[in-house]
C-alpha atoms as a PDB file:
ATOM      1  CA  MET A   1    -114.391 -55.704  52.967  1.00  0.00           C
ATOM      2  CA  ILE A   2    -111.821 -52.905  52.621  1.00  0.00           C
ATOM      3  CA  LYS A   3    -112.511 -49.777  54.631  1.00  0.00           C
ATOM      4  CA  LYS A   4    -112.545 -46.377  52.893  1.00  0.00           C
ATOM      5  CA  LYS A   5    -109.726 -44.999  55.028  1.00  0.00           C
ATOM      6  CA  ASN A   6    -107.475 -47.893  53.914  1.00  0.00           C
ATOM      7  CA  VAL A   7    -108.219 -47.405  50.203  1.00  0.00           C
ATOM      8  CA  ILE A   8    -106.882 -43.852  49.867  1.00  0.00           C
ATOM      9  CA  PRO A   9    -103.324 -44.627  51.091  1.00  0.00           C
ATOM     10  CA  LEU A  10    -103.275 -47.716  48.874  1.00  0.00           C
ATOM     11  CA  LEU A  11    -104.268 -45.605  45.864  1.00  0.00           C
ATOM     12  CA  PHE A  12    -101.505 -43.102  46.597  1.00  0.00           C
ATOM     13  CA  LEU A  13     -98.984 -45.923  46.924  1.00  0.00           C
ATOM     14  CA  LEU A  14    -100.164 -47.500  43.679  1.00  0.00           C
ATOM     15  CA  ALA A  15     -99.978 -44.145  41.857  1.00  0.00           C
ATOM     16  CA  PHE A  16     -96.433 -43.625  43.167  1.00  0.00           C
ATOM     17  CA  PHE A  17     -95.267 -47.022  41.909  1.00  0.00           C
ATOM     18  CA  ILE A  18     -96.914 -46.455  38.515  1.00  0.00           C
ATOM     19  CA  PHE A  19     -95.124 -43.097  38.265  1.00  0.00           C
ATOM     20  CA  LEU A  20     -91.755 -44.719  39.078  1.00  0.00           C
ATOM     21  CA  LEU A  21     -92.343 -47.551  36.631  1.00  0.00           C
ATOM     22  CA  TYR A  22     -93.315 -45.114  33.868  1.00  0.00           C
ATOM     23  CA  GLY A  23     -90.132 -43.065  34.439  1.00  0.00           C
ATOM     24  CA  GLN A  24     -87.911 -46.148  34.288  1.00  0.00           C
ATOM     25  CA  ILE A  25     -89.554 -47.489  31.134  1.00  0.00           C
ATOM     26  CA  ARG A  26     -89.313 -44.084  29.446  1.00  0.00           C
ATOM     27  CA  SER A  27     -85.629 -43.724  30.335  1.00  0.00           C
ATOM     28  CA  LEU A  28     -84.883 -47.247  29.105  1.00  0.00           C
ATOM     29  CA  ARG A  29     -86.697 -46.537  25.840  1.00  0.00           C
ATOM     30  CA  TYR A  30     -84.657 -43.354  25.279  1.00  0.00           C
ATOM     31  CA  ASP A  31     -81.417 -45.205  25.991  1.00  0.00           C
ATOM     32  CA  ASN A  32     -82.329 -47.935  23.483  1.00  0.00           C
ATOM     33  CA  ASP A  33     -83.326 -45.329  20.878  1.00  0.00           C
ATOM     34  CA  LEU A  34     -80.016 -43.533  21.391  1.00  0.00           C
ATOM     35  CA  LYS A  35     -78.090 -46.774  20.875  1.00  0.00           C
ATOM     36  CA  GLU A  36     -79.987 -47.595  17.676  1.00  0.00           C
ATOM     37  CA  ARG A  37     -80.637 -44.199  16.081  1.00  0.00           C
ATOM     38  CA  GLY A  38     -78.492 -41.744  18.027  1.00  0.00           C
ATOM     39  CA  VAL A  39     -76.453 -39.172  16.120  1.00  0.00           C
ATOM     40  CA  VAL A  40     -73.052 -38.179  17.497  1.00  0.00           C
ATOM     41  CA  THR A  41     -71.883 -34.580  17.699  1.00  0.00           C
ATOM     42  CA  ILE A  42     -69.603 -32.586  19.975  1.00  0.00           C
ATOM     43  CA  GLY A  43     -70.918 -30.865  23.078  1.00  0.00           C
ATOM     44  CA  LYS A  44     -69.458 -28.499  25.627  1.00  0.00           C
ATOM     45  CA  ILE A  45     -70.029 -28.736  29.376  1.00  0.00           C
ATOM     46  CA  ASP A  46     -71.299 -25.300  30.376  1.00  0.00           C
ATOM     47  CA  SER A  47     -72.017 -25.742  34.063  1.00  0.00           C
ATOM     48  CA  ILE A  48     -72.851 -28.140  36.859  1.00  0.00           C
ATOM     49  CA  GLN A  49     -75.920 -27.506  38.971  1.00  0.00           C
ATOM     50  CA  LYS A  50     -75.612 -29.183  42.371  1.00  0.00           C
ATOM     51  CA  PHE A  51     -78.382 -30.147  44.765  1.00  0.00           C
ATOM     52  CA  PRO A  52     -78.094 -32.063  48.057  1.00  0.00           C
ATOM     53  CA  LYS A  53     -78.765 -35.506  46.557  1.00  0.00           C
ATOM     54  CA  ARG A  54     -77.980 -35.054  42.853  1.00  0.00           C
ATOM     55  CA  SER A  55     -76.403 -32.783  40.315  1.00  0.00           C
ATOM     56  CA  TYR A  56     -77.004 -31.924  36.672  1.00  0.00           C
ATOM     57  CA  LEU A  57     -74.649 -31.168  33.803  1.00  0.00           C
ATOM     58  CA  TRP A  58     -75.645 -28.418  31.402  1.00  0.00           C
ATOM     59  CA  ILE A  59     -74.362 -29.182  27.917  1.00  0.00           C
ATOM     60  CA  SER A  60     -74.482 -27.022  24.796  1.00  0.00           C
ATOM     61  CA  TYR A  61     -74.197 -28.438  21.279  1.00  0.00           C
ATOM     62  CA  TYR A  62     -75.013 -27.467  17.710  1.00  0.00           C
ATOM     63  CA  ILE A  63     -77.338 -29.243  15.283  1.00  0.00           C
ATOM     64  CA  ARG A  64     -77.555 -27.792  11.775  1.00  0.00           C
ATOM     65  CA  ASN A  65     -75.993 -24.504  12.949  1.00  0.00           C
ATOM     66  CA  LYS A  66     -78.559 -24.038  15.719  1.00  0.00           C
ATOM     67  CA  LYS A  67     -77.358 -24.045  19.325  1.00  0.00           C
ATOM     68  CA  TYR A  68     -79.136 -26.298  21.823  1.00  0.00           C
ATOM     69  CA  SER A  69     -78.709 -26.629  25.549  1.00  0.00           C
ATOM     70  CA  SER A  70     -79.729 -29.625  27.612  1.00  0.00           C
ATOM     71  CA  SER A  71     -79.163 -31.080  31.051  1.00  0.00           C
ATOM     72  CA  GLU A  72     -78.100 -34.555  32.053  1.00  0.00           C
ATOM     73  CA  ASN A  73     -78.081 -36.258  35.440  1.00  0.00           C
ATOM     74  CA  ASN A  74     -74.543 -36.209  36.854  1.00  0.00           C
ATOM     75  CA  SER A  75     -75.137 -38.753  39.629  1.00  0.00           C
ATOM     76  CA  TYR A  76     -73.466 -41.647  37.824  1.00  0.00           C
ATOM     77  CA  ILE A  77     -70.819 -39.661  35.934  1.00  0.00           C
ATOM     78  CA  GLU A  78     -67.593 -38.447  37.474  1.00  0.00           C
ATOM     79  CA  ILE A  79     -67.616 -34.945  35.993  1.00  0.00           C
ATOM     80  CA  THR A  80     -66.363 -32.145  38.237  1.00  0.00           C
ATOM     81  CA  ASN A  81     -65.969 -28.376  37.992  1.00  0.00           C
ATOM     82  CA  LYS A  82     -62.587 -28.816  36.280  1.00  0.00           C
ATOM     83  CA  ASN A  83     -64.438 -30.319  33.280  1.00  0.00           C
ATOM     84  CA  ILE A  84     -66.516 -27.165  32.713  1.00  0.00           C
ATOM     85  CA  GLY A  85     -65.640 -25.680  29.328  1.00  0.00           C
ATOM     86  CA  ARG A  86     -64.309 -28.958  27.933  1.00  0.00           C
ATOM     87  CA  PHE A  87     -65.686 -30.767  24.913  1.00  0.00           C
ATOM     88  CA  TYR A  88     -66.989 -34.334  24.702  1.00  0.00           C
ATOM     89  CA  TYR A  89     -68.978 -36.417  22.254  1.00  0.00           C
ATOM     90  CA  VAL A  90     -72.727 -36.405  22.812  1.00  0.00           C
ATOM     91  CA  LYS A  91     -75.469 -38.525  21.262  1.00  0.00           C
ATOM     92  CA  TYR A  92     -78.882 -37.096  20.513  1.00  0.00           C
ATOM     93  CA  LEU A  93     -82.073 -38.311  18.863  1.00  0.00           C
ATOM     94  CA  PRO A  94     -82.757 -36.663  15.485  1.00  0.00           C
ATOM     95  CA  ASN A  95     -86.488 -36.379  16.202  1.00  0.00           C
ATOM     96  CA  SER A  96     -86.007 -35.141  19.780  1.00  0.00           C
ATOM     97  CA  THR A  97     -82.889 -32.997  20.054  1.00  0.00           C
ATOM     98  CA  ASN A  98     -83.284 -32.357  23.784  1.00  0.00           C
ATOM     99  CA  ILE A  99     -82.669 -36.039  24.634  1.00  0.00           C
ATOM    100  CA  VAL A 100     -78.893 -36.167  24.996  1.00  0.00           C
ATOM    101  CA  ARG A 101     -76.389 -38.557  26.555  1.00  0.00           C
ATOM    102  CA  GLY A 102     -72.746 -37.619  26.799  1.00  0.00           C
ATOM    103  CA  VAL A 103     -69.846 -39.937  26.060  1.00  0.00           C
ATOM    104  CA  TYR A 104     -67.419 -38.764  28.724  1.00  0.00           C
ATOM    105  CA  SER A 105     -64.762 -41.448  28.364  1.00  0.00           C
ATOM    106  CA  GLU A 106     -62.617 -39.281  26.093  1.00  0.00           C
ATOM    107  CA  GLU A 107     -62.294 -35.517  25.831  1.00  0.00           C
ATOM    108  CA  VAL A 108     -62.379 -33.981  22.351  1.00  0.00           C
ATOM    109  CA  THR A 109     -59.360 -31.732  21.825  1.00  0.00           C
ATOM    110  CA  ASP A 110     -59.292 -31.520  18.020  1.00  0.00           C
ATOM    111  CA  THR A 111     -59.928 -27.832  17.289  1.00  0.00           C
ATOM    112  CA  VAL A 112     -60.949 -28.473  13.675  1.00  0.00           C
ATOM    113  CA  ALA A 113     -63.555 -31.043  14.728  1.00  0.00           C
ATOM    114  CA  ILE A 114     -64.932 -28.661  17.367  1.00  0.00           C
ATOM    115  CA  LEU A 115     -65.163 -25.822  14.847  1.00  0.00           C
ATOM    116  CA  ASN A 116     -66.857 -28.134  12.328  1.00  0.00           C
ATOM    117  CA  ALA A 117     -69.397 -29.096  15.005  1.00  0.00           C
ATOM    118  CA  GLY A 118     -70.560 -25.459  15.061  1.00  0.00           C
ATOM    119  CA  PHE A 119     -68.623 -23.866  17.913  1.00  0.00           C
ATOM    120  CA  SER A 120     -66.863 -20.545  17.367  1.00  0.00           C
ATOM    121  CA  ARG A 121     -63.239 -19.765  18.143  1.00  0.00           C
ATOM    122  CA  GLU A 122     -64.383 -17.682  21.106  1.00  0.00           C
ATOM    123  CA  GLU A 123     -66.138 -20.693  22.605  1.00  0.00           C
ATOM    124  CA  ILE A 124     -63.007 -22.846  22.441  1.00  0.00           C
ATOM    125  CA  VAL A 125     -60.534 -20.248  23.645  1.00  0.00           C
ATOM    126  CA  ASN A 126     -59.981 -22.020  26.995  1.00  0.00           C
ATOM    127  CA  LEU A 127     -59.313 -25.407  25.437  1.00  0.00           C
ATOM    128  CA  ASN A 128     -56.269 -27.079  27.017  1.00  0.00           C
END
């Protein structure tokens, strides 16, 4: 028979593993949805928020002339402070515009494309 004092730590451990599993499944589902139904637009890296073990990119982008801002984990991407203010392609889900993944393999430098994506001339003034 299992003692009561052994059950509580086991329940906490089980809850922790369920939480981790749920997060991984949810992230995998979003990635698959983005591959199948993701819409591509242009986004601008606004800032990088750094913590001891991870960092986040803050990205702004326009959808139907409305500006959105979202964050993305920067742990697996090699984006540094020199990339702040630069433009890249981003994919988002049409039914959930806050779920965004950047495509950082190529910087967008076409001014006309950036303007057509919704950004103003003032927002692209520092484009190299």
